[in-house]
Amino acid sequence: MSQPFHFIGGITGGVGRALAERLAASGATVAGYARTAEDLSDIGVEKVFEADARDSGAVGRVFKEAENAFGTPTGYAHCIGSVFLKPVHTMKDEEWTEVIATNLTTAFYALRAAVTAMRREKAGSIVLVSSVAARFGLPSHEAIAAAKGGVEGLVRAASASYANFGVRVNGVAPGLVETGATKHLLGSEQARKMSASMHPLGRIGAPDEVASLMAWLLSEDAAWVSGQVWSIDGGMGGIMPKPRAG
């Protein structure tokens, strides 16, 4: 079997970088793209291409450049998104547009580029990132819930469209994970404790925990898995814990 090549959107972010490091350590060829290119050779990344993920032309270009350099991706992971909390009655048009563009439109552009390449090879695995907010009502999450709900729709429809081409499409739906994008939510000890307490397991997630699940979905170990969105949220979206003493 040839060495797998995995391409990652948002490779310089918290989860993207953790996934890149994990995949490279497994022996895969790893490259990706981000708004600003960085040298990640220290964790085994071959190249980081520069592209605005909200620009369809730029996304198509970096996919072609990556394919020319490393071959058709065996797997693609979309680790691009934002965290935006605001109740809908206070939201401006441009804020709504930005949340949808960053979280849903970028996923669509990347999904289109990935399946275009993979369907020619009749093989491949794609993983998109949703959120617990898409499946569990949280206050002030209207925009992000709508965007990530759209991502889950992409996962299910695309998995049906491309199953006959051997292309698998899955997603992960994390709870609050400690990354640069969530730093503003965890700025005080009180905010950190409150956020942790919303998760039944009592803590905030780590980027590598999400990366671990994504790496499995990209791998041949998950070869019979498609059209699924996997919760990884400390139990937040599915269970109610017993009250904690004290």
C-alpha atoms as a PDB file:
ATOM      1  CA  MET A   1       0.000   0.000   0.000  1.00  0.00           C
ATOM      2  CA  SER A   2       1.347   3.434  -0.905  1.00  0.00           C
ATOM      3  CA  GLN A   3       1.979   6.040   1.761  1.00  0.00           C
ATOM      4  CA  PRO A   4      -1.188   8.040   2.466  1.00  0.00           C
ATOM      5  CA  PHE A   5      -1.317  11.755   1.751  1.00  0.00           C
ATOM      6  CA  HIS A   6      -3.539  13.865   3.979  1.00  0.00           C
ATOM      7  CA  PHE A   7      -4.439  17.477   3.223  1.00  0.00           C
ATOM      8  CA  ILE A   8      -5.710  19.734   6.014  1.00  0.00           C
ATOM      9  CA  GLY A   9      -7.620  23.001   5.786  1.00  0.00           C
ATOM     10  CA  GLY A  10      -6.759  25.280   8.705  1.00  0.00           C
ATOM     11  CA  ILE A  11      -3.594  23.341   9.420  1.00  0.00           C
ATOM     12  CA  THR A  12      -2.057  26.073  11.586  1.00  0.00           C
ATOM     13  CA  GLY A  13      -4.980  26.195  14.043  1.00  0.00           C
ATOM     14  CA  GLY A  14      -5.228  24.234  17.277  1.00  0.00           C
ATOM     15  CA  VAL A  15      -7.024  21.128  16.002  1.00  0.00           C
ATOM     16  CA  GLY A  16      -5.463  21.332  12.524  1.00  0.00           C
ATOM     17  CA  ARG A  17      -1.952  21.381  13.898  1.00  0.00           C
ATOM     18  CA  ALA A  18      -2.677  18.574  16.372  1.00  0.00           C
ATOM     19  CA  LEU A  19      -4.093  16.460  13.550  1.00  0.00           C
ATOM     20  CA  ALA A  20      -1.136  17.203  11.286  1.00  0.00           C
ATOM     21  CA  GLU A  21       1.309  16.170  13.993  1.00  0.00           C
ATOM     22  CA  ARG A  22      -0.588  12.954  14.694  1.00  0.00           C
ATOM     23  CA  LEU A  23      -0.864  11.998  10.996  1.00  0.00           C
ATOM     24  CA  ALA A  24       2.770  12.788  10.250  1.00  0.00           C
ATOM     25  CA  ALA A  25       3.856  10.682  13.229  1.00  0.00           C
ATOM     26  CA  SER A  26       1.932   7.766  11.715  1.00  0.00           C
ATOM     27  CA  GLY A  27       4.079   7.976   8.579  1.00  0.00           C
ATOM     28  CA  ALA A  28       1.675   9.814   6.288  1.00  0.00           C
ATOM     29  CA  THR A  29       2.612  12.657   3.985  1.00  0.00           C
ATOM     30  CA  VAL A  30       0.900  15.761   5.362  1.00  0.00           C
ATOM     31  CA  ALA A  31       0.304  19.196   3.864  1.00  0.00           C
ATOM     32  CA  GLY A  32      -2.344  21.838   4.286  1.00  0.00           C
ATOM     33  CA  TYR A  33      -3.379  25.410   3.849  1.00  0.00           C
ATOM     34  CA  ALA A  34      -4.110  28.425   6.003  1.00  0.00           C
ATOM     35  CA  ARG A  35      -4.736  32.125   5.600  1.00  0.00           C
ATOM     36  CA  THR A  36      -1.058  32.729   6.407  1.00  0.00           C
ATOM     37  CA  ALA A  37       1.526  30.101   5.507  1.00  0.00           C
ATOM     38  CA  GLU A  38       3.793  28.835   8.273  1.00  0.00           C
ATOM     39  CA  ASP A  39       6.695  26.413   8.394  1.00  0.00           C
ATOM     40  CA  LEU A  40       5.453  23.322  10.246  1.00  0.00           C
ATOM     41  CA  SER A  41       8.324  21.079   9.252  1.00  0.00           C
ATOM     42  CA  ASP A  42       9.112  20.643  12.961  1.00  0.00           C
ATOM     43  CA  ILE A  43       6.040  18.401  13.249  1.00  0.00           C
ATOM     44  CA  GLY A  44       6.563  16.659   9.910  1.00  0.00           C
ATOM     45  CA  VAL A  45       4.369  18.790   7.628  1.00  0.00           C
ATOM     46  CA  GLU A  46       5.661  18.914   4.059  1.00  0.00           C
ATOM     47  CA  LYS A  47       4.146  22.260   3.101  1.00  0.00           C
ATOM     48  CA  VAL A  48       1.616  24.855   4.188  1.00  0.00           C
ATOM     49  CA  PHE A  49      -0.025  26.635   1.264  1.00  0.00           C
ATOM     50  CA  GLU A  50      -1.433  30.125   1.691  1.00  0.00           C
ATOM     51  CA  ALA A  51      -5.089  30.664   0.778  1.00  0.00           C
ATOM     52  CA  ASP A  52      -8.205  32.437   1.985  1.00  0.00           C
ATOM     53  CA  ALA A  53     -10.617  29.547   2.508  1.00  0.00           C
ATOM     54  CA  ARG A  54     -13.547  31.873   1.749  1.00  0.00           C
ATOM     55  CA  ASP A  55     -12.255  32.336  -1.812  1.00  0.00           C
ATOM     56  CA  SER A  56     -13.360  29.439  -4.041  1.00  0.00           C
ATOM     57  CA  GLY A  57     -10.645  30.169  -6.590  1.00  0.00           C
ATOM     58  CA  ALA A  58      -7.925  30.122  -3.951  1.00  0.00           C
ATOM     59  CA  VAL A  59      -9.194  26.841  -2.522  1.00  0.00           C
ATOM     60  CA  GLY A  60      -9.281  25.219  -5.951  1.00  0.00           C
ATOM     61  CA  ARG A  61      -5.757  26.481  -6.635  1.00  0.00           C
ATOM     62  CA  VAL A  62      -4.171  25.057  -3.472  1.00  0.00           C
ATOM     63  CA  PHE A  63      -5.862  21.697  -3.988  1.00  0.00           C
ATOM     64  CA  LYS A  64      -4.372  21.527  -7.490  1.00  0.00           C
ATOM     65  CA  GLU A  65      -0.948  22.618  -6.254  1.00  0.00           C
ATOM     66  CA  ALA A  66      -1.032  20.013  -3.508  1.00  0.00           C
ATOM     67  CA  GLU A  67      -2.117  17.296  -5.924  1.00  0.00           C
ATOM     68  CA  ASN A  68       0.680  18.228  -8.327  1.00  0.00           C
ATOM     69  CA  ALA A  69       3.210  18.078  -5.513  1.00  0.00           C
ATOM     70  CA  PHE A  70       2.035  15.047  -3.542  1.00  0.00           C
ATOM     71  CA  GLY A  71      -0.656  13.237  -5.545  1.00  0.00           C
ATOM     72  CA  THR A  72      -4.393  12.938  -4.963  1.00  0.00           C
ATOM     73  CA  PRO A  73      -5.183  13.276  -1.258  1.00  0.00           C
ATOM     74  CA  THR A  74      -6.019  10.051   0.520  1.00  0.00           C
ATOM     75  CA  GLY A  75      -7.788  12.138   3.123  1.00  0.00           C
ATOM     76  CA  TYR A  76      -8.937  15.689   3.641  1.00  0.00           C
ATOM     77  CA  ALA A  77      -9.811  17.297   6.988  1.00  0.00           C
ATOM     78  CA  HIS A  78     -11.490  20.700   7.221  1.00  0.00           C
ATOM     79  CA  CYS A  79     -10.374  22.375  10.451  1.00  0.00           C
ATOM     80  CA  ILE A  80     -11.572  25.876   9.586  1.00  0.00           C
ATOM     81  CA  GLY A  81     -14.184  27.725  11.597  1.00  0.00           C
ATOM     82  CA  SER A  82     -14.931  30.431  14.108  1.00  0.00           C
ATOM     83  CA  VAL A  83     -16.632  30.878  17.454  1.00  0.00           C
ATOM     84  CA  PHE A  84     -19.278  33.592  17.485  1.00  0.00           C
ATOM     85  CA  LEU A  85     -21.778  34.027  20.307  1.00  0.00           C
ATOM     86  CA  LYS A  86     -24.502  36.634  20.018  1.00  0.00           C
ATOM     87  CA  PRO A  87     -28.292  36.440  20.321  1.00  0.00           C
ATOM     88  CA  VAL A  88     -30.026  36.789  16.982  1.00  0.00           C
ATOM     89  CA  HIS A  89     -31.877  40.025  17.824  1.00  0.00           C
ATOM     90  CA  THR A  90     -28.552  41.855  18.276  1.00  0.00           C
ATOM     91  CA  MET A  91     -26.800  40.363  15.254  1.00  0.00           C
ATOM     92  CA  LYS A  92     -25.815  42.531  12.302  1.00  0.00           C
ATOM     93  CA  ASP A  93     -26.178  41.350   8.708  1.00  0.00           C
ATOM     94  CA  GLU A  94     -22.432  41.381   8.169  1.00  0.00           C
ATOM     95  CA  GLU A  95     -21.853  39.267  11.288  1.00  0.00           C
ATOM     96  CA  TRP A  96     -24.277  36.619  10.056  1.00  0.00           C
ATOM     97  CA  THR A  97     -22.655  36.640   6.617  1.00  0.00           C
ATOM     98  CA  GLU A  98     -19.184  36.259   8.114  1.00  0.00           C
ATOM     99  CA  VAL A  99     -20.155  33.311  10.335  1.00  0.00           C
ATOM    100  CA  ILE A 100     -21.802  31.468   7.434  1.00  0.00           C
ATOM    101  CA  ALA A 101     -18.870  32.211   5.107  1.00  0.00           C
ATOM    102  CA  THR A 102     -16.235  31.061   7.582  1.00  0.00           C
ATOM    103  CA  ASN A 103     -17.963  27.939   8.875  1.00  0.00           C
ATOM    104  CA  LEU A 104     -20.204  26.681   6.075  1.00  0.00           C
ATOM    105  CA  THR A 105     -19.072  28.182   2.774  1.00  0.00           C
ATOM    106  CA  THR A 106     -15.430  27.261   3.361  1.00  0.00           C
ATOM    107  CA  ALA A 107     -16.509  23.670   4.048  1.00  0.00           C
ATOM    108  CA  PHE A 108     -18.491  23.612   0.802  1.00  0.00           C
ATOM    109  CA  TYR A 109     -15.579  24.927  -1.280  1.00  0.00           C
ATOM    110  CA  ALA A 110     -13.161  22.419   0.237  1.00  0.00           C
ATOM    111  CA  LEU A 111     -15.600  19.515  -0.018  1.00  0.00           C
ATOM    112  CA  ARG A 112     -16.137  20.277  -3.697  1.00  0.00           C
ATOM    113  CA  ALA A 113     -12.413  20.382  -4.397  1.00  0.00           C
ATOM    114  CA  ALA A 114     -11.739  17.219  -2.412  1.00  0.00           C
ATOM    115  CA  VAL A 115     -14.446  15.055  -3.977  1.00  0.00           C
ATOM    116  CA  THR A 116     -13.524  16.289  -7.461  1.00  0.00           C
ATOM    117  CA  ALA A 117     -10.033  14.886  -6.959  1.00  0.00           C
ATOM    118  CA  MET A 118     -10.970  11.756  -5.011  1.00  0.00           C
ATOM    119  CA  ARG A 119     -13.762  10.563  -7.288  1.00  0.00           C
ATOM    120  CA  ARG A 120     -11.192  10.174 -10.088  1.00  0.00           C
ATOM    121  CA  GLU A 121      -9.273   7.739  -7.890  1.00  0.00           C
ATOM    122  CA  LYS A 122     -12.473   6.122  -6.575  1.00  0.00           C
ATOM    123  CA  ALA A 123     -11.147   6.392  -3.023  1.00  0.00           C
ATOM    124  CA  GLY A 124     -10.762   8.901  -0.236  1.00  0.00           C
ATOM    125  CA  SER A 125     -11.950  10.065   3.151  1.00  0.00           C
ATOM    126  CA  ILE A 126     -13.183  13.535   4.097  1.00  0.00           C
ATOM    127  CA  VAL A 127     -13.835  14.835   7.601  1.00  0.00           C
ATOM    128  CA  LEU A 128     -15.650  18.100   8.316  1.00  0.00           C
ATOM    129  CA  VAL A 129     -16.072  19.802  11.689  1.00  0.00           C
ATOM    130  CA  SER A 130     -19.492  20.612  13.129  1.00  0.00           C
ATOM    131  CA  SER A 131     -20.246  21.612  16.739  1.00  0.00           C
ATOM    132  CA  VAL A 132     -22.289  20.485  19.694  1.00  0.00           C
ATOM    133  CA  ALA A 133     -24.243  23.705  19.062  1.00  0.00           C
ATOM    134  CA  ALA A 134     -25.709  22.182  15.883  1.00  0.00           C
ATOM    135  CA  ARG A 135     -27.495  19.474  17.851  1.00  0.00           C
ATOM    136  CA  PHE A 136     -28.009  20.925  21.334  1.00  0.00           C
ATOM    137  CA  GLY A 137     -29.725  24.265  21.945  1.00  0.00           C
ATOM    138  CA  LEU A 138     -27.321  26.761  23.464  1.00  0.00           C
ATOM    139  CA  PRO A 139     -28.122  30.430  24.085  1.00  0.00           C
ATOM    140  CA  SER A 140     -26.549  33.020  21.783  1.00  0.00           C
ATOM    141  CA  HIS A 141     -25.391  30.306  19.358  1.00  0.00           C
ATOM    142  CA  GLU A 142     -27.958  30.954  16.584  1.00  0.00           C
ATOM    143  CA  ALA A 143     -25.487  31.825  13.817  1.00  0.00           C
ATOM    144  CA  ILE A 144     -22.912  29.168  14.596  1.00  0.00           C
ATOM    145  CA  ALA A 145     -25.645  26.556  15.104  1.00  0.00           C
ATOM    146  CA  ALA A 146     -27.100  27.338  11.684  1.00  0.00           C
ATOM    147  CA  ALA A 147     -23.693  27.216   9.997  1.00  0.00           C
ATOM    148  CA  LYS A 148     -22.636  23.967  11.631  1.00  0.00           C
ATOM    149  CA  GLY A 149     -26.063  22.432  11.011  1.00  0.00           C
ATOM    150  CA  GLY A 150     -25.374  23.131   7.349  1.00  0.00           C
ATOM    151  CA  VAL A 151     -22.032  21.361   7.652  1.00  0.00           C
ATOM    152  CA  GLU A 152     -23.805  18.272   8.984  1.00  0.00           C
ATOM    153  CA  GLY A 153     -26.151  18.420   6.013  1.00  0.00           C
ATOM    154  CA  LEU A 154     -23.140  18.501   3.682  1.00  0.00           C
ATOM    155  CA  VAL A 155     -21.703  15.438   5.394  1.00  0.00           C
ATOM    156  CA  ARG A 156     -24.832  13.354   4.965  1.00  0.00           C
ATOM    157  CA  ALA A 157     -25.694  14.391   1.418  1.00  0.00           C
ATOM    158  CA  ALA A 158     -22.143  14.168   0.075  1.00  0.00           C
ATOM    159  CA  SER A 159     -21.603  10.767   1.681  1.00  0.00           C
ATOM    160  CA  ALA A 160     -24.625   9.531  -0.278  1.00  0.00           C
ATOM    161  CA  SER A 161     -23.545  11.226  -3.515  1.00  0.00           C
ATOM    162  CA  TYR A 162     -20.022   9.812  -3.551  1.00  0.00           C
ATOM    163  CA  ALA A 163     -20.307   6.424  -1.859  1.00  0.00           C
ATOM    164  CA  ASN A 164     -20.327   4.751  -5.281  1.00  0.00           C
ATOM    165  CA  PHE A 165     -16.982   6.416  -5.945  1.00  0.00           C
ATOM    166  CA  GLY A 166     -15.432   4.964  -2.792  1.00  0.00           C
ATOM    167  CA  VAL A 167     -15.321   8.354  -1.094  1.00  0.00           C
ATOM    168  CA  ARG A 168     -16.311   8.480   2.573  1.00  0.00           C
ATOM    169  CA  VAL A 169     -17.547  11.708   4.202  1.00  0.00           C
ATOM    170  CA  ASN A 170     -17.904  12.045   7.963  1.00  0.00           C
ATOM    171  CA  GLY A 171     -17.892  14.774  10.580  1.00  0.00           C
ATOM    172  CA  VAL A 172     -17.060  15.463  14.192  1.00  0.00           C
ATOM    173  CA  ALA A 173     -19.070  17.700  16.521  1.00  0.00           C
ATOM    174  CA  PRO A 174     -16.900  18.948  19.394  1.00  0.00           C
ATOM    175  CA  GLY A 175     -17.875  20.724  22.543  1.00  0.00           C
ATOM    176  CA  LEU A 176     -15.668  23.559  23.786  1.00  0.00           C
ATOM    177  CA  VAL A 177     -12.045  22.850  22.909  1.00  0.00           C
ATOM    178  CA  GLU A 178      -9.149  24.968  24.120  1.00  0.00           C
ATOM    179  CA  THR A 179      -7.691  26.637  21.016  1.00  0.00           C
ATOM    180  CA  GLY A 180      -6.792  30.121  19.877  1.00  0.00           C
ATOM    181  CA  ALA A 181     -10.315  30.536  18.535  1.00  0.00           C
ATOM    182  CA  THR A 182     -11.865  29.921  21.969  1.00  0.00           C
ATOM    183  CA  LYS A 183      -9.357  31.928  23.992  1.00  0.00           C
ATOM    184  CA  HIS A 184     -11.791  34.832  24.358  1.00  0.00           C
ATOM    185  CA  LEU A 185     -14.316  32.527  26.042  1.00  0.00           C
ATOM    186  CA  LEU A 186     -11.820  31.355  28.653  1.00  0.00           C
ATOM    187  CA  GLY A 187     -10.288  34.641  29.705  1.00  0.00           C
ATOM    188  CA  SER A 188     -10.953  34.298  33.423  1.00  0.00           C
ATOM    189  CA  GLU A 189     -10.934  31.488  35.942  1.00  0.00           C
ATOM    190  CA  GLN A 190     -14.646  31.999  36.524  1.00  0.00           C
ATOM    191  CA  ALA A 191     -15.403  31.694  32.795  1.00  0.00           C
ATOM    192  CA  ARG A 192     -13.232  28.603  32.562  1.00  0.00           C
ATOM    193  CA  LYS A 193     -14.969  26.905  35.470  1.00  0.00           C
ATOM    194  CA  MET A 194     -18.415  27.759  34.104  1.00  0.00           C
ATOM    195  CA  SER A 195     -17.520  26.417  30.659  1.00  0.00           C
ATOM    196  CA  ALA A 196     -16.072  23.235  32.112  1.00  0.00           C
ATOM    197  CA  SER A 197     -19.168  22.675  34.255  1.00  0.00           C
ATOM    198  CA  MET A 198     -21.397  22.678  31.139  1.00  0.00           C
ATOM    199  CA  HIS A 199     -19.715  19.445  30.043  1.00  0.00           C
ATOM    200  CA  PRO A 200     -20.792  16.363  32.039  1.00  0.00           C
ATOM    201  CA  LEU A 201     -17.205  15.090  32.173  1.00  0.00           C
ATOM    202  CA  GLY A 202     -16.303  18.324  33.925  1.00  0.00           C
ATOM    203  CA  ARG A 203     -13.623  19.774  31.699  1.00  0.00           C
ATOM    204  CA  ILE A 204     -12.838  21.512  28.431  1.00  0.00           C
ATOM    205  CA  GLY A 205     -11.560  19.437  25.511  1.00  0.00           C
ATOM    206  CA  ALA A 206      -8.018  19.355  24.148  1.00  0.00           C
ATOM    207  CA  PRO A 207      -7.193  19.736  20.432  1.00  0.00           C
ATOM    208  CA  ASP A 208      -5.492  16.347  20.238  1.00  0.00           C
ATOM    209  CA  GLU A 209      -8.607  14.596  21.527  1.00  0.00           C
ATOM    210  CA  VAL A 210     -10.568  15.889  18.540  1.00  0.00           C
ATOM    211  CA  ALA A 211      -7.605  15.175  16.261  1.00  0.00           C
ATOM    212  CA  SER A 212      -7.531  11.571  17.465  1.00  0.00           C
ATOM    213  CA  LEU A 213     -11.103  10.956  16.325  1.00  0.00           C
ATOM    214  CA  MET A 214     -10.519  12.745  13.027  1.00  0.00           C
ATOM    215  CA  ALA A 215      -7.379  10.701  12.361  1.00  0.00           C
ATOM    216  CA  TRP A 216      -9.342   7.493  12.914  1.00  0.00           C
ATOM    217  CA  LEU A 217     -12.079   8.603  10.502  1.00  0.00           C
ATOM    218  CA  LEU A 218      -9.449   9.370   7.877  1.00  0.00           C
ATOM    219  CA  SER A 219      -7.814   5.975   8.324  1.00  0.00           C
ATOM    220  CA  GLU A 220      -8.540   2.577   6.820  1.00  0.00           C
ATOM    221  CA  ASP A 221      -9.661   1.468  10.278  1.00  0.00           C
ATOM    222  CA  ALA A 222     -12.853   3.433   9.554  1.00  0.00           C
ATOM    223  CA  ALA A 223     -13.239   2.072   6.021  1.00  0.00           C
ATOM    224  CA  TRP A 224     -16.864   1.030   6.648  1.00  0.00           C
ATOM    225  CA  VAL A 225     -17.932   4.349   8.173  1.00  0.00           C
ATOM    226  CA  SER A 226     -19.561   7.115   6.150  1.00  0.00           C
ATOM    227  CA  GLY A 227     -22.292   9.729   6.551  1.00  0.00           C
ATOM    228  CA  GLN A 228     -21.822  10.012  10.310  1.00  0.00           C
ATOM    229  CA  VAL A 229     -21.249  13.010  12.564  1.00  0.00           C
ATOM    230  CA  TRP A 230     -19.501  11.900  15.730  1.00  0.00           C
ATOM    231  CA  SER A 231     -20.008  13.820  18.981  1.00  0.00           C
ATOM    232  CA  ILE A 232     -16.870  14.531  20.986  1.00  0.00           C
ATOM    233  CA  ASP A 233     -18.160  16.939  23.587  1.00  0.00           C
ATOM    234  CA  GLY A 234     -17.534  15.637  27.087  1.00  0.00           C
ATOM    235  CA  GLY A 235     -21.083  14.280  27.075  1.00  0.00           C
ATOM    236  CA  MET A 236     -22.610  17.746  26.684  1.00  0.00           C
ATOM    237  CA  GLY A 237     -24.877  16.997  23.736  1.00  0.00           C
ATOM    238  CA  GLY A 238     -26.277  13.710  24.960  1.00  0.00           C
ATOM    239  CA  ILE A 239     -26.387  13.238  28.724  1.00  0.00           C
ATOM    240  CA  MET A 240     -27.308  15.058  31.906  1.00  0.00           C
ATOM    241  CA  PRO A 241     -24.900  14.318  34.756  1.00  0.00           C
ATOM    242  CA  LYS A 242     -25.714  13.946  38.402  1.00  0.00           C
ATOM    243  CA  PRO A 243     -25.270  17.219  40.305  1.00  0.00           C
ATOM    244  CA  ARG A 244     -21.750  17.588  41.625  1.00  0.00           C
ATOM    245  CA  ALA A 245     -21.329  17.755  45.367  1.00  0.00           C
ATOM    246  CA  GLY A 246     -20.479  21.196  46.689  1.00  0.00           C
END
